[in-house]
Each structure stands twice: as C-alpha cells, then as structure tokens.
Amino acid sequence: MATSRPRHVLVTGGSRGIGLAIAQLFAKNAYRCTLISRSEDALKAAVGTLQPLPSLSSSVSGTQPLSSLQHGYIPGNISHGSNFWSTSTTQPSHFGTFLPKPHVREQNHASRIDVLVNCAGITQAKLFTAMEDASLDQIVNTNLTSMMVGTRFLLRQGYLKGVRSPSKDGEGEKGNANEKQGEWAGPVIINVSSLLGLTGGYGAVAYAASKAGVLGFTRALATEYASHKVRVNAIVPGYVESDMTKDLDAAALSQRIPLGRFGKPEEVAQAALFLAENQYAHNCVINLDGGLSAV
C-alpha cells in the first residue's frame, strides 16, 4: 500500500516572525511547509531554516514529482486578490503556478492543504484622523479582506477538502457504511488575530478593527463550514517579540503584563500546532497575551 503524502501546511506571512516560527515547528513535526510572502529573498532564507522532511519513496507521490513533496514557497502579494489567488498556470504571479488545482478525486495530490495558517498582516502607528484613505484600505485589505478572499479561493478550488481516513476495521465500504466507520480528517484553518482586536489601542484604530474582523470571520466561518468537516480556529497574540514590536518600549509595556514580558514567536507556534492536531478544537480562540487581557 502506498504511503500517504506528508501533511501539508500553507502559511501566509511565513517568511519571518510568528509565521516563520509556526512553519519551523510544523516542519519539526514532519509537515511539509509552503510559505507565502512578498519577498522571494526572505522566503528562500526562511525555507532554508526548516527541518527537511524524511526521505520519500516514489510510491508516495505517484505521478507527482518528489520535489513537489518538499518544503517550498510562493512569492506574491496576497492583497492583490484575484491577481494572485488564481488557478491559472500561465502567469508566474498566480497561486496556481506553484500549486496546481488538485483533482477532485485525488485526495493525496501534492497541492492538497491540511492546515492553512493565515498570518500575513501589517501594523499601524498613526492617529485615526491623520490616516489617508489609502492607508486605511491597505491595513483592512491586508489584515482581513485578503484573508477572506484567499480562504474562499482555497475552499472553492478544492485545496482545502476533507479526507476520510480508514476505519479501525479496515478501509470500510463506500457510501454510508464508510461514513459511519471512518474518521474524517478534515482540513484546519487557523487565523492569527491580535489582542488589540479585543481591547482596541491608541493609534491603532484601523489595525484593531481589522483584527476584530478576523475574529468575526473565524467564528462565522466555523459555523458555516462545520458541516463540511473543516475546523476553523484563531489565535489572539498580545505583545510578541517580532519586527512589528521592535520599536515599542518593551520595558514599559512589560510592566503592564502580568507575566512581565513579551511573548515569543515559538510560543504562538505551539498554540498553532495544538489547534491543528487536536481534532476537537473547532471555533476555538486562544489568547496568548501573558495575562494582559485580564487586567
């Protein structure tokens, strides 16, 4: 019997910070990682930090080249909507060039996605009335709209599709018998929000609004897709050591945090792995803020 392909995680914003830490932990747990970011140089460097997958036999891939079952990356701007999220293989900037649309009946196709981590985002440090329309649009589009557009594309095109695993007694029969005996190993969507989406923040109106929208999107999608066996969860980080927080006064802010420090990207990654692998985690929102939301 052919060995199943390695589990596949797609991470937007995967070239640095929390997204990269998530990819690194998933790679250590034998997930094949595909990273999306705007900078190809950063993506190459990021993929180089991932623990290689175990050697694969040709029986794993079938008609697919083994190279398609290794870590990879997709350079592009997810906020460009359909100019990026497309099954077209004729334009180098299109998603389908890198991950061709899987055949509906080919469950082990290399393009199938088991875990989608929506982590791409940009921050804001400007008073609301001083912001231009273009800046408002950019923040909401990058942090929320592109997440919805990309997730919708992956669901519509069959990249995120449940796979029924064999029953304990064997493969099971087709149809209703298999439904009763088998266990559904459906895909998981993990959206990264922010504590500011719950509490708001000075000089971060648009950012907070976009991150609050991420939580609304998570809960509504979890409700709508429960019958499709797609699990949808969210992580709400507080202040985490990253490029986005490097200019903040960490000493002053840490005094407000009950645990007395910023979080680490690796700690957020551990939550993502939990949400991916715990089969009962659905519509689950995990706060990782060192207790800041409690004070």
C-alpha atoms as a PDB file:
ATOM      1  CA  MET A   1       0.000   0.000   0.000  1.00  0.00           C
ATOM      2  CA  ALA A   2       1.329   3.427  -0.918  1.00  0.00           C
ATOM      3  CA  THR A   3       2.369   5.634   1.946  1.00  0.00           C
ATOM      4  CA  SER A   4       0.294   8.770   2.461  1.00  0.00           C
ATOM      5  CA  ARG A   5       1.848  12.060   1.491  1.00  0.00           C
ATOM      6  CA  PRO A   6       3.221  14.236   4.316  1.00  0.00           C
ATOM      7  CA  ARG A   7       0.734  16.616   5.874  1.00  0.00           C
ATOM      8  CA  HIS A   8       0.831  19.995   4.168  1.00  0.00           C
ATOM      9  CA  VAL A   9       0.635  23.395   5.874  1.00  0.00           C
ATOM     10  CA  LEU A  10       0.315  26.682   3.963  1.00  0.00           C
ATOM     11  CA  VAL A  11       1.447  29.745   5.935  1.00  0.00           C
ATOM     12  CA  THR A  12       0.789  33.264   4.699  1.00  0.00           C
ATOM     13  CA  GLY A  13       3.268  35.760   6.092  1.00  0.00           C
ATOM     14  CA  GLY A  14       5.598  32.810   6.584  1.00  0.00           C
ATOM     15  CA  SER A  15       8.956  34.425   5.904  1.00  0.00           C
ATOM     16  CA  ARG A  16       9.505  35.939   9.362  1.00  0.00           C
ATOM     17  CA  GLY A  17       8.217  36.421  12.885  1.00  0.00           C
ATOM     18  CA  ILE A  18       5.253  34.372  14.064  1.00  0.00           C
ATOM     19  CA  GLY A  19       4.591  32.882  10.625  1.00  0.00           C
ATOM     20  CA  LEU A  20       8.146  31.573  10.314  1.00  0.00           C
ATOM     21  CA  ALA A  21       8.125  30.198  13.865  1.00  0.00           C
ATOM     22  CA  ILE A  22       4.915  28.310  13.049  1.00  0.00           C
ATOM     23  CA  ALA A  23       6.471  26.856   9.900  1.00  0.00           C
ATOM     24  CA  GLN A  24       9.612  25.812  11.762  1.00  0.00           C
ATOM     25  CA  LEU A  25       7.649  23.954  14.437  1.00  0.00           C
ATOM     26  CA  PHE A  26       5.383  22.258  11.900  1.00  0.00           C
ATOM     27  CA  ALA A  27       8.433  21.171   9.887  1.00  0.00           C
ATOM     28  CA  LYS A  28       9.914  19.597  13.017  1.00  0.00           C
ATOM     29  CA  ASN A  29       6.692  17.611  13.256  1.00  0.00           C
ATOM     30  CA  ALA A  30       7.029  16.272   9.690  1.00  0.00           C
ATOM     31  CA  TYR A  31       4.667  18.704   7.999  1.00  0.00           C
ATOM     32  CA  ARG A  32       5.522  19.846   4.509  1.00  0.00           C
ATOM     33  CA  CYS A  33       5.508  23.651   4.572  1.00  0.00           C
ATOM     34  CA  THR A  34       4.629  26.106   1.828  1.00  0.00           C
ATOM     35  CA  LEU A  35       5.281  29.737   2.744  1.00  0.00           C
ATOM     36  CA  ILE A  36       3.773  32.841   1.155  1.00  0.00           C
ATOM     37  CA  SER A  37       5.287  36.319   1.401  1.00  0.00           C
ATOM     38  CA  ARG A  38       6.136  39.240  -0.835  1.00  0.00           C
ATOM     39  CA  SER A  39       9.931  38.944  -0.677  1.00  0.00           C
ATOM     40  CA  GLU A  40      11.410  35.981  -2.541  1.00  0.00           C
ATOM     41  CA  ASP A  41      14.802  36.501  -0.908  1.00  0.00           C
ATOM     42  CA  ALA A  42      13.222  36.363   2.552  1.00  0.00           C
ATOM     43  CA  LEU A  43      11.256  33.273   1.565  1.00  0.00           C
ATOM     44  CA  LYS A  44      14.378  31.464   0.351  1.00  0.00           C
ATOM     45  CA  ALA A  45      16.129  32.235   3.621  1.00  0.00           C
ATOM     46  CA  ALA A  46      13.084  31.116   5.622  1.00  0.00           C
ATOM     47  CA  VAL A  47      12.736  27.781   3.820  1.00  0.00           C
ATOM     48  CA  GLY A  48      16.435  27.199   4.472  1.00  0.00           C
ATOM     49  CA  THR A  49      15.725  27.218   8.216  1.00  0.00           C
ATOM     50  CA  LEU A  50      13.103  24.454   8.039  1.00  0.00           C
ATOM     51  CA  GLN A  51      13.956  20.937   9.133  1.00  0.00           C
ATOM     52  CA  PRO A  52      13.984  18.779   5.980  1.00  0.00           C
ATOM     53  CA  LEU A  53      11.309  16.149   5.566  1.00  0.00           C
ATOM     54  CA  PRO A  54      12.242  12.476   5.853  1.00  0.00           C
ATOM     55  CA  SER A  55      13.211  10.782   2.601  1.00  0.00           C
ATOM     56  CA  LEU A  56      10.202   9.897   0.491  1.00  0.00           C
ATOM     57  CA  SER A  57       9.770   6.875  -1.729  1.00  0.00           C
ATOM     58  CA  SER A  58       8.397   7.222  -5.229  1.00  0.00           C
ATOM     59  CA  SER A  59       5.274   5.339  -4.128  1.00  0.00           C
ATOM     60  CA  VAL A  60       4.255   8.329  -2.042  1.00  0.00           C
ATOM     61  CA  SER A  61       3.883  10.740  -4.922  1.00  0.00           C
ATOM     62  CA  GLY A  62       2.507   8.514  -7.664  1.00  0.00           C
ATOM     63  CA  THR A  63       2.541  10.678 -10.780  1.00  0.00           C
ATOM     64  CA  GLN A  64       3.775  13.719  -8.838  1.00  0.00           C
ATOM     65  CA  PRO A  65       7.481  14.584  -8.728  1.00  0.00           C
ATOM     66  CA  LEU A  66       9.090  14.133  -5.328  1.00  0.00           C
ATOM     67  CA  SER A  67      10.195  17.769  -5.464  1.00  0.00           C
ATOM     68  CA  SER A  68       6.534  18.735  -5.053  1.00  0.00           C
ATOM     69  CA  LEU A  69       6.504  16.993  -1.676  1.00  0.00           C
ATOM     70  CA  GLN A  70       9.269  19.122  -0.137  1.00  0.00           C
ATOM     71  CA  HIS A  71       9.161  22.489   1.602  1.00  0.00           C
ATOM     72  CA  GLY A  72       8.570  25.374  -0.773  1.00  0.00           C
ATOM     73  CA  TYR A  73       7.449  28.964  -1.099  1.00  0.00           C
ATOM     74  CA  ILE A  74       5.213  31.188  -3.191  1.00  0.00           C
ATOM     75  CA  PRO A  75       6.304  34.808  -3.685  1.00  0.00           C
ATOM     76  CA  GLY A  76       3.425  37.207  -4.103  1.00  0.00           C
ATOM     77  CA  ASN A  77       1.176  39.846  -2.603  1.00  0.00           C
ATOM     78  CA  ILE A  78      -1.969  38.201  -1.240  1.00  0.00           C
ATOM     79  CA  SER A  79      -3.688  41.585  -1.027  1.00  0.00           C
ATOM     80  CA  HIS A  80      -3.832  41.696  -4.835  1.00  0.00           C
ATOM     81  CA  GLY A  81      -6.926  39.491  -4.778  1.00  0.00           C
ATOM     82  CA  SER A  82      -7.650  37.517  -7.938  1.00  0.00           C
ATOM     83  CA  ASN A  83      -4.381  38.728  -9.477  1.00  0.00           C
ATOM     84  CA  PHE A  84      -2.711  36.351  -7.029  1.00  0.00           C
ATOM     85  CA  TRP A  85      -5.413  33.874  -5.980  1.00  0.00           C
ATOM     86  CA  SER A  86      -5.961  32.084  -9.273  1.00  0.00           C
ATOM     87  CA  THR A  87      -5.674  28.536 -10.601  1.00  0.00           C
ATOM     88  CA  SER A  88      -4.038  29.878 -13.758  1.00  0.00           C
ATOM     89  CA  THR A  89      -0.672  28.311 -14.553  1.00  0.00           C
ATOM     90  CA  THR A  90       0.196  30.807 -17.296  1.00  0.00           C
ATOM     91  CA  GLN A  91       1.151  33.747 -15.087  1.00  0.00           C
ATOM     92  CA  PRO A  92       4.153  33.422 -12.754  1.00  0.00           C
ATOM     93  CA  SER A  93       2.418  35.650 -10.186  1.00  0.00           C
ATOM     94  CA  HIS A  94      -0.579  33.341  -9.823  1.00  0.00           C
ATOM     95  CA  PHE A  95      -1.018  30.852  -6.992  1.00  0.00           C
ATOM     96  CA  GLY A  96      -1.860  28.033  -9.413  1.00  0.00           C
ATOM     97  CA  THR A  97       1.583  28.269 -10.990  1.00  0.00           C
ATOM     98  CA  PHE A  98       3.091  26.936  -7.776  1.00  0.00           C
ATOM     99  CA  LEU A  99       0.283  24.702  -6.506  1.00  0.00           C
ATOM    100  CA  PRO A 100      -1.848  23.435  -9.412  1.00  0.00           C
ATOM    101  CA  LYS A 101      -5.520  22.854  -8.671  1.00  0.00           C
ATOM    102  CA  PRO A 102      -5.920  19.323  -7.262  1.00  0.00           C
ATOM    103  CA  HIS A 103      -8.197  16.841  -8.983  1.00  0.00           C
ATOM    104  CA  VAL A 104     -11.421  16.422  -7.049  1.00  0.00           C
ATOM    105  CA  ARG A 105     -10.894  12.665  -6.592  1.00  0.00           C
ATOM    106  CA  GLU A 106      -7.147  12.699  -5.983  1.00  0.00           C
ATOM    107  CA  GLN A 107      -7.041  13.048  -2.232  1.00  0.00           C
ATOM    108  CA  ASN A 108      -3.275  12.584  -1.964  1.00  0.00           C
ATOM    109  CA  HIS A 109      -2.445  15.258  -4.537  1.00  0.00           C
ATOM    110  CA  ALA A 110       0.575  17.364  -3.505  1.00  0.00           C
ATOM    111  CA  SER A 111      -1.485  20.559  -3.717  1.00  0.00           C
ATOM    112  CA  ARG A 112      -3.950  19.469  -1.037  1.00  0.00           C
ATOM    113  CA  ILE A 113      -3.689  21.643   2.082  1.00  0.00           C
ATOM    114  CA  ASP A 114      -4.247  20.095   5.502  1.00  0.00           C
ATOM    115  CA  VAL A 115      -3.602  23.246   7.539  1.00  0.00           C
ATOM    116  CA  LEU A 116      -3.985  26.863   6.432  1.00  0.00           C
ATOM    117  CA  VAL A 117      -2.392  29.452   8.716  1.00  0.00           C
ATOM    118  CA  ASN A 118      -3.475  32.989   7.872  1.00  0.00           C
ATOM    119  CA  CYS A 119      -0.687  35.010   9.472  1.00  0.00           C
ATOM    120  CA  ALA A 120       0.094  37.788   6.985  1.00  0.00           C
ATOM    121  CA  GLY A 121      -0.523  41.265   8.313  1.00  0.00           C
ATOM    122  CA  ILE A 122       0.734  44.803   8.712  1.00  0.00           C
ATOM    123  CA  THR A 123       0.577  47.101  11.709  1.00  0.00           C
ATOM    124  CA  GLN A 124      -0.278  50.758  12.275  1.00  0.00           C
ATOM    125  CA  ALA A 125       1.062  53.570  14.449  1.00  0.00           C
ATOM    126  CA  LYS A 126      -0.899  56.658  13.479  1.00  0.00           C
ATOM    127  CA  LEU A 127      -3.872  58.551  14.838  1.00  0.00           C
ATOM    128  CA  PHE A 128      -7.134  57.716  13.102  1.00  0.00           C
ATOM    129  CA  THR A 129      -7.967  61.222  11.838  1.00  0.00           C
ATOM    130  CA  ALA A 130      -4.482  61.590  10.372  1.00  0.00           C
ATOM    131  CA  MET A 131      -4.772  58.474   8.218  1.00  0.00           C
ATOM    132  CA  GLU A 132      -5.303  58.720   4.478  1.00  0.00           C
ATOM    133  CA  ASP A 133      -7.915  56.595   2.731  1.00  0.00           C
ATOM    134  CA  ALA A 134      -5.189  54.577   1.039  1.00  0.00           C
ATOM    135  CA  SER A 135      -3.631  53.642   4.390  1.00  0.00           C
ATOM    136  CA  LEU A 136      -6.989  52.575   5.811  1.00  0.00           C
ATOM    137  CA  ASP A 137      -7.648  50.437   2.745  1.00  0.00           C
ATOM    138  CA  GLN A 138      -4.201  48.868   2.886  1.00  0.00           C
ATOM    139  CA  ILE A 139      -4.487  47.801   6.516  1.00  0.00           C
ATOM    140  CA  VAL A 140      -8.004  46.366   6.231  1.00  0.00           C
ATOM    141  CA  ASN A 141      -7.255  44.738   2.889  1.00  0.00           C
ATOM    142  CA  THR A 142      -4.025  43.103   4.053  1.00  0.00           C
ATOM    143  CA  ASN A 143      -5.193  42.015   7.504  1.00  0.00           C
ATOM    144  CA  LEU A 144      -8.781  40.980   6.767  1.00  0.00           C
ATOM    145  CA  THR A 145     -10.054  41.159   3.185  1.00  0.00           C
ATOM    146  CA  SER A 146      -7.134  39.223   1.685  1.00  0.00           C
ATOM    147  CA  MET A 147      -7.586  36.560   4.385  1.00  0.00           C
ATOM    148  CA  MET A 148     -11.218  36.094   3.411  1.00  0.00           C
ATOM    149  CA  VAL A 149     -10.514  36.174  -0.330  1.00  0.00           C
ATOM    150  CA  GLY A 150      -7.649  33.676  -0.066  1.00  0.00           C
ATOM    151  CA  THR A 151      -9.537  31.290   2.213  1.00  0.00           C
ATOM    152  CA  ARG A 152     -12.586  31.427  -0.057  1.00  0.00           C
ATOM    153  CA  PHE A 153     -10.398  30.631  -3.079  1.00  0.00           C
ATOM    154  CA  LEU A 154      -8.794  27.625  -1.377  1.00  0.00           C
ATOM    155  CA  LEU A 155     -12.185  26.279  -0.310  1.00  0.00           C
ATOM    156  CA  ARG A 156     -13.808  26.834  -3.686  1.00  0.00           C
ATOM    157  CA  GLN A 157     -10.996  25.247  -5.669  1.00  0.00           C
ATOM    158  CA  GLY A 158     -10.700  22.135  -3.517  1.00  0.00           C
ATOM    159  CA  TYR A 159      -7.310  22.796  -1.951  1.00  0.00           C
ATOM    160  CA  LEU A 160      -8.975  22.589   1.465  1.00  0.00           C
ATOM    161  CA  LYS A 161     -11.069  19.446   1.319  1.00  0.00           C
ATOM    162  CA  GLY A 162     -11.823  16.795   3.905  1.00  0.00           C
ATOM    163  CA  VAL A 163     -10.262  13.353   3.524  1.00  0.00           C
ATOM    164  CA  ARG A 164     -11.858  10.323   5.113  1.00  0.00           C
ATOM    165  CA  SER A 165      -9.289   8.151   6.845  1.00  0.00           C
ATOM    166  CA  PRO A 166      -9.559   4.358   7.050  1.00  0.00           C
ATOM    167  CA  SER A 167     -11.670   2.898   9.847  1.00  0.00           C
ATOM    168  CA  LYS A 168     -10.177   0.866  12.645  1.00  0.00           C
ATOM    169  CA  ASP A 169     -11.509  -2.292  10.996  1.00  0.00           C
ATOM    170  CA  GLY A 170     -10.092  -1.513   7.578  1.00  0.00           C
ATOM    171  CA  GLU A 171     -10.895   0.650   4.626  1.00  0.00           C
ATOM    172  CA  GLY A 172     -14.652   0.351   5.086  1.00  0.00           C
ATOM    173  CA  GLU A 173     -17.263   0.334   2.391  1.00  0.00           C
ATOM    174  CA  LYS A 174     -18.255   3.190   0.150  1.00  0.00           C
ATOM    175  CA  GLY A 175     -21.118   5.494   0.939  1.00  0.00           C
ATOM    176  CA  ASN A 176     -22.992   5.456   4.213  1.00  0.00           C
ATOM    177  CA  ALA A 177     -21.134   2.480   5.672  1.00  0.00           C
ATOM    178  CA  ASN A 178     -17.829   4.301   5.235  1.00  0.00           C
ATOM    179  CA  GLU A 179     -19.350   7.428   6.733  1.00  0.00           C
ATOM    180  CA  LYS A 180     -20.236   5.535   9.897  1.00  0.00           C
ATOM    181  CA  GLN A 181     -16.983   3.605  10.206  1.00  0.00           C
ATOM    182  CA  GLY A 182     -14.384   6.094   9.032  1.00  0.00           C
ATOM    183  CA  GLU A 183     -12.987   9.092  10.843  1.00  0.00           C
ATOM    184  CA  TRP A 184     -12.929  12.388   8.993  1.00  0.00           C
ATOM    185  CA  ALA A 185      -9.514  14.023   8.829  1.00  0.00           C
ATOM    186  CA  GLY A 186     -10.685  17.404   7.641  1.00  0.00           C
ATOM    187  CA  PRO A 187      -8.531  20.458   6.990  1.00  0.00           C
ATOM    188  CA  VAL A 188      -7.907  23.138   9.589  1.00  0.00           C
ATOM    189  CA  ILE A 189      -7.885  26.915   9.187  1.00  0.00           C
ATOM    190  CA  ILE A 190      -6.001  28.936  11.806  1.00  0.00           C
ATOM    191  CA  ASN A 191      -6.364  32.710  11.720  1.00  0.00           C
ATOM    192  CA  VAL A 192      -3.946  34.943  13.610  1.00  0.00           C
ATOM    193  CA  SER A 193      -5.704  37.938  15.159  1.00  0.00           C
ATOM    194  CA  SER A 194      -4.406  40.303  17.855  1.00  0.00           C
ATOM    195  CA  LEU A 195      -5.224  41.366  21.398  1.00  0.00           C
ATOM    196  CA  LEU A 196      -5.915  44.842  20.006  1.00  0.00           C
ATOM    197  CA  GLY A 197      -8.827  43.290  18.122  1.00  0.00           C
ATOM    198  CA  LEU A 198     -10.433  42.717  21.526  1.00  0.00           C
ATOM    199  CA  THR A 199      -9.267  45.730  23.511  1.00  0.00           C
ATOM    200  CA  GLY A 200      -8.517  48.413  20.944  1.00  0.00           C
ATOM    201  CA  GLY A 201      -5.422  50.571  21.202  1.00  0.00           C
ATOM    202  CA  TYR A 202      -4.223  54.152  20.917  1.00  0.00           C
ATOM    203  CA  GLY A 203      -3.026  54.940  17.397  1.00  0.00           C
ATOM    204  CA  ALA A 204      -4.251  51.599  16.090  1.00  0.00           C
ATOM    205  CA  VAL A 205      -7.894  52.112  15.134  1.00  0.00           C
ATOM    206  CA  ALA A 206      -7.750  50.570  11.662  1.00  0.00           C
ATOM    207  CA  TYR A 207      -5.471  47.766  12.815  1.00  0.00           C
ATOM    208  CA  ALA A 208      -7.721  46.933  15.776  1.00  0.00           C
ATOM    209  CA  ALA A 209     -10.806  46.993  13.555  1.00  0.00           C
ATOM    210  CA  SER A 210      -9.200  44.645  11.024  1.00  0.00           C
ATOM    211  CA  LYS A 211      -8.112  42.204  13.740  1.00  0.00           C
ATOM    212  CA  ALA A 212     -11.551  42.273  15.356  1.00  0.00           C
ATOM    213  CA  GLY A 213     -12.866  41.389  11.905  1.00  0.00           C
ATOM    214  CA  VAL A 214     -10.559  38.361  11.855  1.00  0.00           C
ATOM    215  CA  LEU A 215     -12.316  37.015  14.959  1.00  0.00           C
ATOM    216  CA  GLY A 216     -15.747  37.626  13.441  1.00  0.00           C
ATOM    217  CA  PHE A 217     -14.615  35.881  10.256  1.00  0.00           C
ATOM    218  CA  THR A 218     -13.298  32.937  12.285  1.00  0.00           C
ATOM    219  CA  ARG A 219     -16.482  32.392  14.261  1.00  0.00           C
ATOM    220  CA  ALA A 220     -18.808  32.788  11.283  1.00  0.00           C
ATOM    221  CA  LEU A 221     -16.735  30.502   9.049  1.00  0.00           C
ATOM    222  CA  ALA A 222     -16.550  27.905  11.844  1.00  0.00           C
ATOM    223  CA  THR A 223     -20.347  27.897  11.958  1.00  0.00           C
ATOM    224  CA  GLU A 224     -20.812  27.809   8.188  1.00  0.00           C
ATOM    225  CA  TYR A 225     -18.256  25.086   7.475  1.00  0.00           C
ATOM    226  CA  ALA A 226     -18.826  22.755  10.428  1.00  0.00           C
ATOM    227  CA  SER A 227     -20.993  20.525   8.217  1.00  0.00           C
ATOM    228  CA  HIS A 228     -18.125  20.382   5.705  1.00  0.00           C
ATOM    229  CA  LYS A 229     -15.791  18.991   8.382  1.00  0.00           C
ATOM    230  CA  VAL A 230     -13.485  21.999   8.131  1.00  0.00           C
ATOM    231  CA  ARG A 231     -12.240  23.143  11.536  1.00  0.00           C
ATOM    232  CA  VAL A 232     -11.679  26.889  11.990  1.00  0.00           C
ATOM    233  CA  ASN A 233      -9.789  28.408  14.919  1.00  0.00           C
ATOM    234  CA  ALA A 234      -7.967  31.591  15.891  1.00  0.00           C
ATOM    235  CA  ILE A 235      -5.005  32.724  17.954  1.00  0.00           C
ATOM    236  CA  VAL A 236      -5.024  36.113  19.681  1.00  0.00           C
ATOM    237  CA  PRO A 237      -1.430  37.105  20.496  1.00  0.00           C
ATOM    238  CA  GLY A 238      -0.623  40.001  22.759  1.00  0.00           C
ATOM    239  CA  TYR A 239       2.786  41.637  22.546  1.00  0.00           C
ATOM    240  CA  VAL A 240       5.178  39.185  20.884  1.00  0.00           C
ATOM    241  CA  GLU A 241       8.858  39.696  20.078  1.00  0.00           C
ATOM    242  CA  SER A 242       8.976  40.429  16.340  1.00  0.00           C
ATOM    243  CA  ASP A 243       9.795  43.078  13.750  1.00  0.00           C
ATOM    244  CA  MET A 244       6.326  44.529  14.325  1.00  0.00           C
ATOM    245  CA  THR A 245       7.051  45.239  18.010  1.00  0.00           C
ATOM    246  CA  LYS A 246      10.775  46.012  17.930  1.00  0.00           C
ATOM    247  CA  ASP A 247      10.220  49.788  18.113  1.00  0.00           C
ATOM    248  CA  LEU A 248       7.922  49.609  21.157  1.00  0.00           C
ATOM    249  CA  ASP A 249       9.041  50.398  24.702  1.00  0.00           C
ATOM    250  CA  ALA A 250       9.267  46.782  25.818  1.00  0.00           C
ATOM    251  CA  ALA A 251      10.339  47.637  29.363  1.00  0.00           C
ATOM    252  CA  ALA A 252       7.365  49.909  29.996  1.00  0.00           C
ATOM    253  CA  LEU A 253       4.862  47.593  28.339  1.00  0.00           C
ATOM    254  CA  SER A 254       6.182  44.537  30.176  1.00  0.00           C
ATOM    255  CA  GLN A 255       5.275  46.217  33.475  1.00  0.00           C
ATOM    256  CA  ARG A 256       1.619  46.079  32.412  1.00  0.00           C
ATOM    257  CA  ILE A 257       1.778  42.382  31.502  1.00  0.00           C
ATOM    258  CA  PRO A 258       1.122  40.058  34.480  1.00  0.00           C
ATOM    259  CA  LEU A 259       3.818  37.638  33.311  1.00  0.00           C
ATOM    260  CA  GLY A 260       6.239  40.552  32.964  1.00  0.00           C
ATOM    261  CA  ARG A 261       7.492  40.005  29.434  1.00  0.00           C
ATOM    262  CA  PHE A 262       6.643  39.854  25.732  1.00  0.00           C
ATOM    263  CA  GLY A 263       5.713  36.504  24.268  1.00  0.00           C
ATOM    264  CA  LYS A 264       7.973  34.585  21.916  1.00  0.00           C
ATOM    265  CA  PRO A 265       7.007  33.552  18.376  1.00  0.00           C
ATOM    266  CA  GLU A 266       7.733  29.939  19.316  1.00  0.00           C
ATOM    267  CA  GLU A 267       5.033  30.097  22.000  1.00  0.00           C
ATOM    268  CA  VAL A 268       2.465  31.179  19.433  1.00  0.00           C
ATOM    269  CA  ALA A 269       3.648  28.362  17.170  1.00  0.00           C
ATOM    270  CA  GLN A 270       2.935  25.825  19.916  1.00  0.00           C
ATOM    271  CA  ALA A 271      -0.668  27.034  20.054  1.00  0.00           C
ATOM    272  CA  ALA A 272      -0.980  26.712  16.282  1.00  0.00           C
ATOM    273  CA  LEU A 273       0.257  23.122  16.368  1.00  0.00           C
ATOM    274  CA  PHE A 274      -2.234  22.314  19.132  1.00  0.00           C
ATOM    275  CA  LEU A 275      -5.120  23.761  17.121  1.00  0.00           C
ATOM    276  CA  ALA A 276      -4.008  21.820  14.045  1.00  0.00           C
ATOM    277  CA  GLU A 277      -3.735  18.449  15.742  1.00  0.00           C
ATOM    278  CA  ASN A 278      -6.466  18.468  18.384  1.00  0.00           C
ATOM    279  CA  GLN A 279      -9.426  17.064  16.482  1.00  0.00           C
ATOM    280  CA  TYR A 280     -11.946  18.578  18.911  1.00  0.00           C
ATOM    281  CA  ALA A 281     -10.637  22.132  18.541  1.00  0.00           C
ATOM    282  CA  HIS A 282     -13.224  23.997  16.450  1.00  0.00           C
ATOM    283  CA  ASN A 283     -14.346  27.619  16.817  1.00  0.00           C
ATOM    284  CA  CYS A 284     -11.573  27.780  19.386  1.00  0.00           C
ATOM    285  CA  VAL A 285      -9.961  31.150  20.168  1.00  0.00           C
ATOM    286  CA  ILE A 286      -6.731  31.034  22.174  1.00  0.00           C
ATOM    287  CA  ASN A 287      -5.489  34.171  23.919  1.00  0.00           C
ATOM    288  CA  LEU A 288      -1.704  34.324  24.282  1.00  0.00           C
ATOM    289  CA  ASP A 289      -1.087  37.665  25.965  1.00  0.00           C
ATOM    290  CA  GLY A 290       0.701  36.894  29.227  1.00  0.00           C
ATOM    291  CA  GLY A 291      -2.499  37.713  31.103  1.00  0.00           C
ATOM    292  CA  LEU A 292      -2.771  41.272  29.764  1.00  0.00           C
ATOM    293  CA  SER A 293      -6.409  40.814  28.747  1.00  0.00           C
ATOM    294  CA  ALA A 294      -7.281  40.078  32.388  1.00  0.00           C
ATOM    295  CA  VAL A 295      -6.090  43.412  33.805  1.00  0.00           C
END
